[in-house]
Amino acid sequence: MTERAYHHGNLRQELLERAWATIDGDGLDALSLRQLARDVGVSHGASARHFADRTALLDAIAVTGFTRMNDALAAAVTSETTFAGQLHAAGLAYIGFAVDHPAILDLMYKAKHHPDASPELAALSRASMVVVNELVGEAQARGEVRSGDIERQSLVVFAAVHGVAALATDDLLDGVHWRDAAEATIDAVLSSLTGVDAP
């Protein structure tokens, strides 16, 4: 068996992409390190040079997941200029990521709590809350959000949006489309933070 990918220096990325696709399509239980190595055409030993064990691989996948999700949130926020627009865009981006990648999102949050979670994963896992804190703080400074504890208000935002994501990925919305549930929830949060009912 050749180790083409390893010698070309792109084996780590190839393993990550294949592992992501496996989990995304068939769930975490479908992931096997030995099968993963076979799928990309290398020996198990070659793959172990990049990921010593399953925990290391899952940590790297979680890092990739948080990076992609955080990038989507940042892009959503910068696409709007008002707090209402930013909150809607960011909320839909988060829930959309969850709906598109439910097994990956589940892995992301489990991996960040693992005792051996990397410092990079720990930092990236907090980034989405940092975005929400900044969003609420800046809106409060502009007078778009009522005064109050910014971290507490941000927690309400995150809890509401993540709650819709969890209901959607667990198929608990009883036929309601996730986007409709998201819009209704975000409107309710906006009303509580701004004192203005959604149109």
Protein backbone atom coordinates (compact mmCIF):
# COMPACT_ATOMS: atom_id res chain seq x y z
CA MET A 1 0.00 0.00 0.00
CA THR A 2 1.40 3.38 -0.90
CA GLU A 3 1.45 6.34 1.43
CA ARG A 4 0.90 8.91 -1.31
CA ALA A 5 -1.02 11.38 0.85
CA TYR A 6 1.52 11.27 3.67
CA HIS A 7 4.47 11.94 1.40
CA HIS A 8 2.66 14.79 -0.29
CA GLY A 9 2.23 16.40 3.11
CA ASN A 10 -1.57 16.63 3.02
CA LEU A 11 -2.50 13.47 4.88
CA ARG A 12 -3.65 15.30 8.03
CA GLN A 13 -6.16 17.38 6.09
CA GLU A 14 -7.29 14.39 4.05
CA LEU A 15 -7.92 12.38 7.22
CA LEU A 16 -9.83 15.27 8.76
CA GLU A 17 -12.03 15.74 5.71
CA ARG A 18 -12.80 12.03 5.48
CA ALA A 19 -13.54 11.79 9.21
CA TRP A 20 -15.79 14.85 9.00
CA ALA A 21 -17.71 13.31 6.09
CA THR A 22 -18.10 9.99 7.93
CA ILE A 23 -19.44 11.57 11.12
CA ASP A 24 -21.56 14.07 9.20
CA GLY A 25 -23.17 11.35 7.14
CA ASP A 26 -23.33 8.31 9.40
CA GLY A 27 -22.71 9.52 12.95
CA LEU A 28 -19.79 9.27 15.35
CA ASP A 29 -20.18 5.51 15.90
CA ALA A 30 -19.35 4.94 12.23
CA LEU A 31 -15.85 6.38 12.66
CA SER A 32 -13.01 3.85 12.80
CA LEU A 33 -9.38 4.96 12.76
CA ARG A 34 -8.24 1.90 10.85
CA GLN A 35 -11.03 2.20 8.30
CA LEU A 36 -10.30 5.91 7.99
CA ALA A 37 -6.67 5.14 7.10
CA ARG A 38 -7.78 2.55 4.54
CA ASP A 39 -10.27 5.00 3.03
CA VAL A 40 -7.53 7.52 2.27
CA GLY A 41 -5.10 4.86 1.09
CA VAL A 42 -2.48 4.81 3.85
CA SER A 43 -1.42 2.52 6.67
CA HIS A 44 -2.75 2.92 10.18
CA GLY A 45 0.77 3.84 11.25
CA ALA A 46 0.87 6.70 8.76
CA SER A 47 -2.36 8.16 10.09
CA ALA A 48 -1.09 7.77 13.66
CA ARG A 49 1.72 10.18 12.88
CA HIS A 50 -0.91 12.91 12.72
CA PHE A 51 -3.48 11.65 15.24
CA ALA A 52 -2.11 9.53 18.04
CA ASP A 53 -5.55 8.25 19.00
CA ARG A 54 -9.28 8.73 18.52
CA THR A 55 -9.42 11.55 21.08
CA ALA A 56 -6.82 13.57 19.19
CA LEU A 57 -8.72 13.12 15.93
CA LEU A 58 -12.05 14.11 17.48
CA ASP A 59 -10.43 17.17 19.05
CA ALA A 60 -9.18 18.23 15.61
CA ILE A 61 -12.61 17.69 14.05
CA ALA A 62 -14.18 19.77 16.82
CA VAL A 63 -11.62 22.52 16.17
CA THR A 64 -12.61 22.46 12.50
CA GLY A 65 -16.28 22.58 13.42
CA PHE A 66 -15.96 25.55 15.76
CA THR A 67 -13.77 27.35 13.23
CA ARG A 68 -16.37 26.92 10.48
CA MET A 69 -19.25 27.83 12.75
CA ASN A 70 -17.50 30.89 14.17
CA ASP A 71 -16.62 32.07 10.66
CA ALA A 72 -20.28 31.72 9.66
CA LEU A 73 -21.38 33.72 12.71
CA ALA A 74 -18.84 36.47 12.04
CA ALA A 75 -19.91 36.72 8.40
CA ALA A 76 -23.56 36.87 9.44
CA VAL A 77 -22.95 39.68 11.92
CA THR A 78 -20.96 41.78 9.46
CA SER A 79 -23.68 41.38 6.83
CA GLU A 80 -26.08 43.54 8.87
CA THR A 81 -25.87 46.96 10.52
CA THR A 82 -28.66 46.92 13.12
CA PHE A 83 -28.85 44.77 16.24
CA ALA A 84 -32.09 43.19 15.04
CA GLY A 85 -30.57 42.31 11.69
CA GLN A 86 -27.36 41.02 13.22
CA LEU A 87 -29.18 38.87 15.77
CA HIS A 88 -31.43 37.35 13.13
CA ALA A 89 -28.51 36.66 10.79
CA ALA A 90 -26.29 35.18 13.50
CA GLY A 91 -29.11 33.11 14.98
CA LEU A 92 -30.07 31.65 11.63
CA ALA A 93 -26.41 30.95 10.85
CA TYR A 94 -25.96 29.04 14.12
CA ILE A 95 -29.16 27.05 13.81
CA GLY A 96 -28.50 26.41 10.12
CA PHE A 97 -25.08 24.98 10.96
CA ALA A 98 -26.67 22.73 13.59
CA VAL A 99 -29.36 21.49 11.20
CA ASP A 100 -26.80 20.83 8.45
CA HIS A 101 -24.28 19.13 10.77
CA PRO A 102 -26.09 17.74 13.85
CA ALA A 103 -23.60 14.93 14.56
CA ILE A 104 -20.67 17.32 14.16
CA LEU A 105 -22.23 19.89 16.52
CA ASP A 106 -22.85 17.19 19.12
CA LEU A 107 -19.23 16.08 18.82
CA MET A 108 -18.01 19.68 19.12
CA TYR A 109 -19.68 20.25 22.46
CA LYS A 110 -18.70 16.84 23.83
CA ALA A 111 -15.08 17.22 22.75
CA LYS A 112 -14.67 20.62 24.38
CA HIS A 113 -15.53 19.07 27.76
CA HIS A 114 -13.06 16.21 27.38
CA PRO A 115 -10.29 16.30 30.03
CA ASP A 116 -7.68 16.27 27.24
CA ALA A 117 -9.31 19.00 25.13
CA SER A 118 -6.66 21.12 23.44
CA PRO A 119 -6.19 24.79 24.37
CA GLU A 120 -7.13 25.67 20.78
CA LEU A 121 -10.45 23.87 21.10
CA ALA A 122 -11.15 25.48 24.47
CA ALA A 123 -10.56 28.95 23.01
CA LEU A 124 -12.58 28.36 19.85
CA SER A 125 -15.51 26.90 21.79
CA ARG A 126 -15.86 30.17 23.71
CA ALA A 127 -15.66 32.38 20.64
CA SER A 128 -19.36 32.24 19.76
CA MET A 129 -20.32 33.55 23.21
CA VAL A 130 -17.72 36.29 22.81
CA VAL A 131 -19.42 37.30 19.56
CA VAL A 132 -22.79 37.46 21.30
CA ASN A 133 -21.36 39.49 24.19
CA GLU A 134 -19.83 41.98 21.77
CA LEU A 135 -23.03 42.15 19.73
CA VAL A 136 -25.17 42.89 22.78
CA GLY A 137 -22.63 45.29 24.30
CA GLU A 138 -22.30 47.33 21.12
CA ALA A 139 -26.07 47.44 20.66
CA GLN A 140 -26.47 48.55 24.27
CA ALA A 141 -23.93 51.34 23.70
CA ARG A 142 -25.91 52.50 20.63
CA GLY A 143 -29.13 52.51 22.64
CA GLU A 144 -30.67 49.62 20.69
CA VAL A 145 -30.76 47.32 23.71
CA ARG A 146 -32.01 48.22 27.17
CA SER A 147 -29.43 48.62 29.90
CA GLY A 148 -28.55 45.59 31.98
CA ASP A 149 -25.97 42.92 32.60
CA ILE A 150 -24.50 42.22 29.16
CA GLU A 151 -23.36 38.69 30.01
CA ARG A 152 -26.79 37.82 31.38
CA GLN A 153 -28.53 39.20 28.30
CA SER A 154 -26.09 37.34 26.06
CA LEU A 155 -26.76 34.11 27.91
CA VAL A 156 -30.47 34.48 27.19
CA VAL A 157 -29.72 35.00 23.49
CA PHE A 158 -27.45 31.96 23.29
CA ALA A 159 -29.80 29.74 25.31
CA ALA A 160 -32.75 30.62 23.09
CA VAL A 161 -30.92 30.09 19.82
CA HIS A 162 -29.20 26.88 20.96
CA GLY A 163 -32.56 25.65 22.25
CA VAL A 164 -34.11 25.94 18.79
CA ALA A 165 -31.06 24.20 17.32
CA ALA A 166 -31.47 21.31 19.78
CA LEU A 167 -35.19 20.99 19.08
CA ALA A 168 -34.59 21.04 15.33
CA THR A 169 -31.81 18.45 15.34
CA ASP A 170 -33.77 16.17 17.67
CA ASP A 171 -36.86 16.48 15.43
CA LEU A 172 -38.96 17.94 18.27
CA LEU A 173 -40.56 20.87 16.44
CA ASP A 174 -43.69 18.86 15.54
CA GLY A 175 -43.66 19.75 11.87
CA VAL A 176 -42.75 23.40 12.33
CA HIS A 177 -39.90 24.35 9.99
CA TRP A 178 -36.76 25.21 11.95
CA ARG A 179 -36.50 28.60 10.26
CA ASP A 180 -40.03 29.56 11.40
CA ALA A 181 -39.20 28.44 14.95
CA ALA A 182 -35.96 30.40 14.81
CA GLU A 183 -37.62 33.59 13.59
CA ALA A 184 -40.31 33.40 16.29
CA THR A 185 -37.74 32.75 19.03
CA ILE A 186 -35.37 35.49 17.89
CA ASP A 187 -38.27 37.96 17.66
CA ALA A 188 -39.23 37.13 21.26
CA VAL A 189 -35.65 37.61 22.45
CA LEU A 190 -35.40 40.91 20.56
CA SER A 191 -38.59 42.12 22.17
CA SER A 192 -37.27 41.31 25.63
CA LEU A 193 -33.96 43.07 24.97
CA THR A 194 -35.24 46.11 23.12
CA GLY A 195 -38.73 46.58 24.52
CA VAL A 196 -40.03 46.78 20.97
CA ASP A 197 -42.34 44.13 19.55
CA ALA A 198 -41.36 42.62 16.21
CA PRO A 199 -43.52 43.81 13.29
